[in-house]
């Protein structure tokens, strides 16, 4: 599911699910209405070799993703956290 956050530059994010793990990816919508992920470079291993990966935030399984997103929403709108939720 794509959420556009900047209509001028057609930027947004997408909620992804892969093998039960959820993440939010940075995406740009092309003029052809195709979603193009944003990429970043990271250093891996002791050799510090560079690798390109999609720019994303891993949220965990469905329950953890819901908890994380609720906590972020509570922070954004200024409501009290849901009881027994982890402090993010």
PDB file of N, CA and C in Angstrom:
ATOM      1  N   UNK A   1       0.845  -1.162   0.000  1.00  0.00           N
ATOM      2  CA  UNK A   1       0.000   0.000   0.000  1.00  0.00           C
ATOM      3  C   UNK A   1       0.897   1.235   0.000  1.00  0.00           C
ATOM      4  N   UNK A   2       0.745   2.119  -0.978  1.00  0.00           N
ATOM      5  CA  UNK A   2       1.558   3.320  -1.129  1.00  0.00           C
ATOM      6  C   UNK A   2       0.840   4.528  -0.534  1.00  0.00           C
ATOM      7  N   UNK A   3       1.576   5.330   0.240  1.00  0.00           N
ATOM      8  CA  UNK A   3       1.055   6.561   0.830  1.00  0.00           C
ATOM      9  C   UNK A   3       1.890   7.721   0.307  1.00  0.00           C
ATOM     10  N   UNK A   4       1.281   8.613  -0.489  1.00  0.00           N
ATOM     11  CA  UNK A   4       2.009   9.748  -1.032  1.00  0.00           C
ATOM     12  C   UNK A   4       2.094  10.854   0.018  1.00  0.00           C
ATOM     13  N   UNK A   5       3.310  11.341   0.265  1.00  0.00           N
ATOM     14  CA  UNK A   5       3.516  12.395   1.251  1.00  0.00           C
ATOM     15  C   UNK A   5       3.932  13.719   0.621  1.00  0.00           C
ATOM     16  N   UNK A   6       4.313  13.704  -0.661  1.00  0.00           N
ATOM     17  CA  UNK A   6       4.706  14.920  -1.361  1.00  0.00           C
ATOM     18  C   UNK A   6       4.268  14.783  -2.812  1.00  0.00           C
ATOM     19  N   UNK A   7       3.160  15.438  -3.158  1.00  0.00           N
ATOM     20  CA  UNK A   7       2.608  15.298  -4.508  1.00  0.00           C
ATOM     21  C   UNK A   7       3.510  15.921  -5.573  1.00  0.00           C
ATOM     22  N   UNK A   8       4.195  17.004  -5.237  1.00  0.00           N
ATOM     23  CA  UNK A   8       5.059  17.672  -6.211  1.00  0.00           C
ATOM     24  C   UNK A   8       6.169  16.742  -6.695  1.00  0.00           C
ATOM     25  N   UNK A   9       6.821  16.050  -5.763  1.00  0.00           N
ATOM     26  CA  UNK A   9       7.919  15.152  -6.109  1.00  0.00           C
ATOM     27  C   UNK A   9       7.495  13.689  -6.156  1.00  0.00           C
ATOM     28  N   UNK A  10       6.204  13.436  -5.906  1.00  0.00           N
ATOM     29  CA  UNK A  10       5.623  12.094  -5.950  1.00  0.00           C
ATOM     30  C   UNK A  10       6.337  11.118  -4.998  1.00  0.00           C
ATOM     31  N   UNK A  11       6.764  11.668  -3.841  1.00  0.00           N
ATOM     32  CA  UNK A  11       7.438  10.870  -2.816  1.00  0.00           C
ATOM     33  C   UNK A  11       6.427  10.315  -1.835  1.00  0.00           C
ATOM     34  N   UNK A  12       6.799   9.206  -1.223  1.00  0.00           N
ATOM     35  CA  UNK A  12       5.947   8.626  -0.207  1.00  0.00           C
ATOM     36  C   UNK A  12       6.603   7.429   0.436  1.00  0.00           C
ATOM     37  N   UNK A  13       5.773   6.594   1.013  1.00  0.00           N
ATOM     38  CA  UNK A  13       6.275   5.373   1.630  1.00  0.00           C
ATOM     39  C   UNK A  13       5.290   4.249   1.398  1.00  0.00           C
ATOM     40  N   UNK A  14       5.763   3.049   1.643  1.00  0.00           N
ATOM     41  CA  UNK A  14       4.964   1.868   1.387  1.00  0.00           C
ATOM     42  C   UNK A  14       5.139   0.895   2.542  1.00  0.00           C
ATOM     43  N   UNK A  15       4.045   0.290   2.960  1.00  0.00           N
ATOM     44  CA  UNK A  15       4.092  -0.749   3.975  1.00  0.00           C
ATOM     45  C   UNK A  15       4.318  -2.079   3.264  1.00  0.00           C
ATOM     46  N   UNK A  16       5.409  -2.758   3.636  1.00  0.00           N
ATOM     47  CA  UNK A  16       5.762  -4.037   3.023  1.00  0.00           C
ATOM     48  C   UNK A  16       5.642  -5.159   4.039  1.00  0.00           C
ATOM     49  N   UNK A  17       5.358  -6.345   3.539  1.00  0.00           N
ATOM     50  CA  UNK A  17       5.355  -7.553   4.368  1.00  0.00           C
ATOM     51  C   UNK A  17       6.129  -8.629   3.622  1.00  0.00           C
ATOM     52  N   UNK A  18       7.087  -9.262   4.316  1.00  0.00           N
ATOM     53  CA  UNK A  18       7.864 -10.339   3.728  1.00  0.00           C
ATOM     54  C   UNK A  18       8.095 -11.390   4.796  1.00  0.00           C
ATOM     55  N   UNK A  19       7.550 -12.579   4.573  1.00  0.00           N
ATOM     56  CA  UNK A  19       7.693 -13.710   5.499  1.00  0.00           C
ATOM     57  C   UNK A  19       7.293 -13.337   6.923  1.00  0.00           C
ATOM     58  N   UNK A  20       6.200 -12.597   7.046  1.00  0.00           N
ATOM     59  CA  UNK A  20       5.676 -12.243   8.358  1.00  0.00           C
ATOM     60  C   UNK A  20       6.339 -11.052   9.023  1.00  0.00           C
ATOM     61  N   UNK A  21       7.345 -10.451   8.376  1.00  0.00           N
ATOM     62  CA  UNK A  21       8.017  -9.268   8.924  1.00  0.00           C
ATOM     63  C   UNK A  21       7.574  -8.041   8.133  1.00  0.00           C
ATOM     64  N   UNK A  22       7.275  -6.967   8.851  1.00  0.00           N
ATOM     65  CA  UNK A  22       6.773  -5.737   8.233  1.00  0.00           C
ATOM     66  C   UNK A  22       7.848  -4.660   8.239  1.00  0.00           C
ATOM     67  N   UNK A  23       7.791  -3.802   7.225  1.00  0.00           N
ATOM     68  CA  UNK A  23       8.706  -2.667   7.145  1.00  0.00           C
ATOM     69  C   UNK A  23       8.028  -1.535   6.389  1.00  0.00           C
ATOM     70  N   UNK A  24       8.588  -0.344   6.556  1.00  0.00           N
ATOM     71  CA  UNK A  24       8.136   0.834   5.818  1.00  0.00           C
ATOM     72  C   UNK A  24       9.281   1.234   4.901  1.00  0.00           C
ATOM     73  N   UNK A  25       9.010   1.315   3.601  1.00  0.00           N
ATOM     74  CA  UNK A  25      10.034   1.639   2.607  1.00  0.00           C
ATOM     75  C   UNK A  25       9.776   3.007   1.996  1.00  0.00           C
ATOM     76  N   UNK A  26      10.861   3.725   1.718  1.00  0.00           N
ATOM     77  CA  UNK A  26      10.782   5.001   1.021  1.00  0.00           C
ATOM     78  C   UNK A  26      10.621   4.727  -0.466  1.00  0.00           C
ATOM     79  N   UNK A  27       9.600   5.348  -1.082  1.00  0.00           N
ATOM     80  CA  UNK A  27       9.251   5.044  -2.471  1.00  0.00           C
ATOM     81  C   UNK A  27       8.926   6.346  -3.210  1.00  0.00           C
ATOM     82  N   UNK A  28       9.230   6.362  -4.503  1.00  0.00           N
ATOM     83  CA  UNK A  28       8.810   7.465  -5.369  1.00  0.00           C
ATOM     84  C   UNK A  28       7.918   6.880  -6.451  1.00  0.00           C
ATOM     85  N   UNK A  29       6.787   7.528  -6.703  1.00  0.00           N
ATOM     86  CA  UNK A  29       5.858   7.089  -7.740  1.00  0.00           C
ATOM     87  C   UNK A  29       6.293   7.702  -9.065  1.00  0.00           C
ATOM     88  N   UNK A  30       6.541   6.859 -10.054  1.00  0.00           N
ATOM     89  CA  UNK A  30       6.940   7.342 -11.365  1.00  0.00           C
ATOM     90  C   UNK A  30       5.750   7.907 -12.131  1.00  0.00           C
ATOM     91  N   UNK A  31       6.054   8.621 -13.212  1.00  0.00           N
ATOM     92  CA  UNK A  31       4.983   9.157 -14.055  1.00  0.00           C
ATOM     93  C   UNK A  31       4.184   8.039 -14.696  1.00  0.00           C
ATOM     94  N   UNK A  32       4.787   6.852 -14.761  1.00  0.00           N
ATOM     95  CA  UNK A  32       4.103   5.674 -15.304  1.00  0.00           C
ATOM     96  C   UNK A  32       3.265   4.962 -14.237  1.00  0.00           C
ATOM     97  N   UNK A  33       3.127   5.616 -13.039  1.00  0.00           N
ATOM     98  CA  UNK A  33       2.367   5.082 -11.905  1.00  0.00           C
ATOM     99  C   UNK A  33       2.998   3.817 -11.321  1.00  0.00           C
ATOM    100  N   UNK A  34       4.272   3.606 -11.582  1.00  0.00           N
ATOM    101  CA  UNK A  34       5.015   2.478 -11.026  1.00  0.00           C
ATOM    102  C   UNK A  34       5.780   2.969  -9.795  1.00  0.00           C
ATOM    103  N   UNK A  35       5.869   2.126  -8.760  1.00  0.00           N
ATOM    104  CA  UNK A  35       6.569   2.488  -7.533  1.00  0.00           C
ATOM    105  C   UNK A  35       8.057   2.170  -7.665  1.00  0.00           C
ATOM    106  N   UNK A  36       8.902   3.162  -7.369  1.00  0.00           N
ATOM    107  CA  UNK A  36      10.343   2.997  -7.446  1.00  0.00           C
ATOM    108  C   UNK A  36      10.938   3.190  -6.051  1.00  0.00           C
ATOM    109  N   UNK A  37      11.554   2.143  -5.487  1.00  0.00           N
ATOM    110  CA  UNK A  37      12.127   2.277  -4.151  1.00  0.00           C
ATOM    111  C   UNK A  37      13.338   3.205  -4.148  1.00  0.00           C
ATOM    112  N   UNK A  38      13.529   3.906  -3.031  1.00  0.00           N
ATOM    113  CA  UNK A  38      14.733   4.699  -2.809  1.00  0.00           C
ATOM    114  C   UNK A  38      15.801   3.737  -2.294  1.00  0.00           C
ATOM    115  N   UNK A  39      17.038   3.934  -2.706  1.00  0.00           N
ATOM    116  CA  UNK A  39      18.125   3.053  -2.320  1.00  0.00           C
ATOM    117  C   UNK A  39      19.145   3.818  -1.490  1.00  0.00           C
ATOM    118  N   UNK A  40      19.842   3.103  -0.632  1.00  0.00           N
ATOM    119  CA  UNK A  40      20.927   3.694   0.148  1.00  0.00           C
ATOM    120  C   UNK A  40      22.095   2.716   0.147  1.00  0.00           C
ATOM    121  N   UNK A  41      23.266   3.209   0.517  1.00  0.00           N
ATOM    122  CA  UNK A  41      24.458   2.371   0.605  1.00  0.00           C
ATOM    123  C   UNK A  41      24.812   2.170   2.066  1.00  0.00           C
ATOM    124  N   UNK A  42      25.141   0.929   2.416  1.00  0.00           N
ATOM    125  CA  UNK A  42      25.584   0.620   3.770  1.00  0.00           C
ATOM    126  C   UNK A  42      26.916  -0.113   3.686  1.00  0.00           C
ATOM    127  N   UNK A  43      27.653  -0.098   4.789  1.00  0.00           N
ATOM    128  CA  UNK A  43      28.900  -0.837   4.858  1.00  0.00           C
ATOM    129  C   UNK A  43      28.657  -2.123   5.631  1.00  0.00           C
ATOM    130  N   UNK A  44      29.126  -3.242   5.072  1.00  0.00           N
ATOM    131  CA  UNK A  44      28.926  -4.545   5.691  1.00  0.00           C
ATOM    132  C   UNK A  44      30.251  -5.222   5.995  1.00  0.00           C
ATOM    133  N   UNK A  45      30.276  -5.959   7.083  1.00  0.00           N
ATOM    134  CA  UNK A  45      31.427  -6.784   7.421  1.00  0.00           C
ATOM    135  C   UNK A  45      32.645  -6.011   7.866  1.00  0.00           C
ATOM    136  N   UNK A  46      33.662  -6.781   8.238  1.00  0.00           N
ATOM    137  CA  UNK A  46      34.914  -6.187   8.695  1.00  0.00           C
ATOM    138  C   UNK A  46      35.629  -5.454   7.572  1.00  0.00           C
ATOM    139  N   UNK A  47      35.387  -5.899   6.325  1.00  0.00           N
ATOM    140  CA  UNK A  47      36.033  -5.277   5.176  1.00  0.00           C
ATOM    141  C   UNK A  47      35.377  -3.957   4.791  1.00  0.00           C
ATOM    142  N   UNK A  48      34.243  -3.657   5.407  1.00  0.00           N
ATOM    143  CA  UNK A  48      33.479  -2.431   5.129  1.00  0.00           C
ATOM    144  C   UNK A  48      33.103  -2.319   3.651  1.00  0.00           C
ATOM    145  N   UNK A  49      32.680  -3.425   3.056  1.00  0.00           N
ATOM    146  CA  UNK A  49      32.264  -3.379   1.656  1.00  0.00           C
ATOM    147  C   UNK A  49      30.895  -2.720   1.557  1.00  0.00           C
ATOM    148  N   UNK A  50      30.711  -1.913   0.521  1.00  0.00           N
ATOM    149  CA  UNK A  50      29.447  -1.199   0.333  1.00  0.00           C
ATOM    150  C   UNK A  50      28.434  -2.081  -0.376  1.00  0.00           C
ATOM    151  N   UNK A  51      27.184  -1.957   0.056  1.00  0.00           N
ATOM    152  CA  UNK A  51      26.088  -2.669  -0.592  1.00  0.00           C
ATOM    153  C   UNK A  51      24.892  -1.741  -0.657  1.00  0.00           C
ATOM    154  N   UNK A  52      24.185  -1.755  -1.774  1.00  0.00           N
ATOM    155  CA  UNK A  52      22.970  -0.954  -1.926  1.00  0.00           C
ATOM    156  C   UNK A  52      21.778  -1.782  -1.462  1.00  0.00           C
ATOM    157  N   UNK A  53      20.940  -1.162  -0.637  1.00  0.00           N
ATOM    158  CA  UNK A  53      19.719  -1.808  -0.167  1.00  0.00           C
ATOM    159  C   UNK A  53      18.581  -0.788  -0.222  1.00  0.00           C
ATOM    160  N   UNK A  54      17.340  -1.252  -0.281  1.00  0.00           N
ATOM    161  CA  UNK A  54      16.210  -0.308  -0.223  1.00  0.00           C
ATOM    162  C   UNK A  54      16.196   0.418   1.127  1.00  0.00           C
ATOM    163  N   UNK A  55      15.884   1.700   1.099  1.00  0.00           N
ATOM    164  CA  UNK A  55      15.795   2.502   2.313  1.00  0.00           C
ATOM    165  C   UNK A  55      14.499   2.132   3.031  1.00  0.00           C
ATOM    166  N   UNK A  56      14.624   1.521   4.207  1.00  0.00           N
ATOM    167  CA  UNK A  56      13.446   1.021   4.907  1.00  0.00           C
ATOM    168  C   UNK A  56      13.684   0.982   6.414  1.00  0.00           C
ATOM    169  N   UNK A  57      12.590   0.933   7.159  1.00  0.00           N
ATOM    170  CA  UNK A  57      12.606   0.751   8.606  1.00  0.00           C
ATOM    171  C   UNK A  57      11.896  -0.559   8.893  1.00  0.00           C
ATOM    172  N   UNK A  58      12.598  -1.483   9.536  1.00  0.00           N
ATOM    173  CA  UNK A  58      12.004  -2.777   9.872  1.00  0.00           C
ATOM    174  C   UNK A  58      11.186  -2.637  11.148  1.00  0.00           C
ATOM    175  N   UNK A  59       9.938  -3.107  11.089  1.00  0.00           N
ATOM    176  CA  UNK A  59       9.021  -2.975  12.219  1.00  0.00           C
ATOM    177  C   UNK A  59       8.816  -4.265  12.998  1.00  0.00           C
ATOM    178  N   UNK A  60       9.244  -5.397  12.467  1.00  0.00           N
ATOM    179  CA  UNK A  60       9.069  -6.678  13.141  1.00  0.00           C
ATOM    180  C   UNK A  60       7.825  -7.402  12.659  1.00  0.00           C
ATOM    181  N   UNK A  61       7.385  -8.369  13.459  1.00  0.00           N
ATOM    182  CA  UNK A  61       6.184  -9.123  13.085  1.00  0.00           C
ATOM    183  C   UNK A  61       4.956  -8.219  13.202  1.00  0.00           C
ATOM    184  N   UNK A  62       3.793  -8.762  12.872  1.00  0.00           N
ATOM    185  CA  UNK A  62       2.584  -7.939  12.816  1.00  0.00           C
ATOM    186  C   UNK A  62       2.262  -7.283  14.154  1.00  0.00           C
ATOM    187  N   UNK A  63       2.365  -8.023  15.243  1.00  0.00           N
ATOM    188  CA  UNK A  63       2.053  -7.461  16.561  1.00  0.00           C
ATOM    189  C   UNK A  63       3.010  -6.329  16.928  1.00  0.00           C
ATOM    190  N   UNK A  64       4.306  -6.541  16.677  1.00  0.00           N
ATOM    191  CA  UNK A  64       5.291  -5.510  16.998  1.00  0.00           C
ATOM    192  C   UNK A  64       5.114  -4.296  16.090  1.00  0.00           C
ATOM    193  N   UNK A  65       4.790  -4.514  14.822  1.00  0.00           N
ATOM    194  CA  UNK A  65       4.559  -3.409  13.891  1.00  0.00           C
ATOM    195  C   UNK A  65       3.380  -2.558  14.349  1.00  0.00           C
ATOM    196  N   UNK A  66       2.301  -3.210  14.767  1.00  0.00           N
ATOM    197  CA  UNK A  66       1.122  -2.474  15.253  1.00  0.00           C
ATOM    198  C   UNK A  66       1.491  -1.668  16.495  1.00  0.00           C
ATOM    199  N   UNK A  67       2.216  -2.283  17.429  1.00  0.00           N
ATOM    200  CA  UNK A  67       2.632  -1.566  18.646  1.00  0.00           C
ATOM    201  C   UNK A  67       3.493  -0.353  18.307  1.00  0.00           C
ATOM    202  N   UNK A  68       4.464  -0.546  17.408  1.00  0.00           N
ATOM    203  CA  UNK A  68       5.369   0.549  17.044  1.00  0.00           C
ATOM    204  C   UNK A  68       4.605   1.685  16.380  1.00  0.00           C
ATOM    205  N   UNK A  69       3.717   1.353  15.453  1.00  0.00           N
ATOM    206  CA  UNK A  69       2.967   2.397  14.745  1.00  0.00           C
ATOM    207  C   UNK A  69       1.987   3.110  15.670  1.00  0.00           C
ATOM    208  N   UNK A  70       1.387   2.388  16.605  1.00  0.00           N
ATOM    209  CA  UNK A  70       0.502   3.038  17.585  1.00  0.00           C
ATOM    210  C   UNK A  70       1.282   4.000  18.465  1.00  0.00           C
ATOM    211  N   UNK A  71       2.466   3.571  18.907  1.00  0.00           N
ATOM    212  CA  UNK A  71       3.289   4.427  19.751  1.00  0.00           C
ATOM    213  C   UNK A  71       3.701   5.691  18.994  1.00  0.00           C
ATOM    214  N   UNK A  72       4.057   5.545  17.722  1.00  0.00           N
ATOM    215  CA  UNK A  72       4.422   6.713  16.918  1.00  0.00           C
ATOM    216  C   UNK A  72       3.234   7.635  16.720  1.00  0.00           C
ATOM    217  N   UNK A  73       2.058   7.074  16.464  1.00  0.00           N
ATOM    218  CA  UNK A  73       0.853   7.882  16.293  1.00  0.00           C
ATOM    219  C   UNK A  73       0.514   8.614  17.585  1.00  0.00           C
ATOM    220  N   UNK A  74       0.612   7.926  18.720  1.00  0.00           N
ATOM    221  CA  UNK A  74       0.358   8.571  20.012  1.00  0.00           C
ATOM    222  C   UNK A  74       1.309   9.734  20.237  1.00  0.00           C
ATOM    223  N   UNK A  75       2.567   9.558  19.876  1.00  0.00           N
ATOM    224  CA  UNK A  75       3.551  10.629  20.015  1.00  0.00           C
ATOM    225  C   UNK A  75       3.199  11.807  19.111  1.00  0.00           C
ATOM    226  N   UNK A  76       2.770  11.505  17.905  1.00  0.00           N
ATOM    227  CA  UNK A  76       2.452  12.540  16.930  1.00  0.00           C
ATOM    228  C   UNK A  76       1.236  13.372  17.329  1.00  0.00           C
ATOM    229  N   UNK A  77       0.181  12.700  17.812  1.00  0.00           N
ATOM    230  CA  UNK A  77      -1.044  13.431  18.139  1.00  0.00           C
ATOM    231  C   UNK A  77      -1.121  13.831  19.613  1.00  0.00           C
ATOM    232  N   UNK A  78      -0.151  13.379  20.407  1.00  0.00           N
ATOM    233  CA  UNK A  78      -0.070  13.807  21.793  1.00  0.00           C
ATOM    234  C   UNK A  78      -1.029  13.115  22.731  1.00  0.00           C
ATOM    235  N   UNK A  79      -1.358  11.867  22.473  1.00  0.00           N
ATOM    236  CA  UNK A  79      -2.231  11.122  23.382  1.00  0.00           C
ATOM    237  C   UNK A  79      -1.391  10.248  24.294  1.00  0.00           C
ATOM    238  N   UNK A  80      -2.029   9.744  25.324  1.00  0.00           N
ATOM    239  CA  UNK A  80      -1.345   8.855  26.263  1.00  0.00           C
ATOM    240  C   UNK A  80      -1.070   7.512  25.595  1.00  0.00           C
ATOM    241  N   UNK A  81       0.064   6.889  25.922  1.00  0.00           N
ATOM    242  CA  UNK A  81       0.355   5.583  25.334  1.00  0.00           C
ATOM    243  C   UNK A  81      -0.645   4.514  25.766  1.00  0.00           C
ATOM    244  N   UNK A  82      -0.783   3.520  24.936  1.00  0.00           N
ATOM    245  CA  UNK A  82      -1.645   2.390  25.247  1.00  0.00           C
ATOM    246  C   UNK A  82      -0.991   1.600  26.395  1.00  0.00           C
ATOM    247  N   UNK A  83      -1.737   1.201  27.427  1.00  0.00           N
ATOM    248  CA  UNK A  83      -1.141   0.462  28.546  1.00  0.00           C
ATOM    249  C   UNK A  83      -0.415  -0.787  28.060  1.00  0.00           C
ATOM    250  N   UNK A  84       0.682  -1.123  28.755  1.00  0.00           N
ATOM    251  CA  UNK A  84       1.496  -2.307  28.484  1.00  0.00           C
ATOM    252  C   UNK A  84       2.180  -2.267  27.122  1.00  0.00           C
ATOM    253  N   UNK A  85       2.282  -1.094  26.494  1.00  0.00           N
ATOM    254  CA  UNK A  85       3.008  -1.014  25.230  1.00  0.00           C
ATOM    255  C   UNK A  85       4.451  -0.628  25.533  1.00  0.00           C
ATOM    256  N   UNK A  86       5.402  -1.139  24.735  1.00  0.00           N
ATOM    257  CA  UNK A  86       6.796  -0.809  24.991  1.00  0.00           C
ATOM    258  C   UNK A  86       7.078   0.664  24.706  1.00  0.00           C
ATOM    259  N   UNK A  87       7.935   1.292  25.498  1.00  0.00           N
ATOM    260  CA  UNK A  87       8.243   2.712  25.277  1.00  0.00           C
ATOM    261  C   UNK A  87       9.233   2.868  24.135  1.00  0.00           C
ATOM    262  N   UNK A  88       8.771   3.358  22.997  1.00  0.00           N
ATOM    263  CA  UNK A  88       9.663   3.534  21.843  1.00  0.00           C
ATOM    264  C   UNK A  88      10.192   4.929  21.858  1.00  0.00           C
TER     265      UNK A  88
END
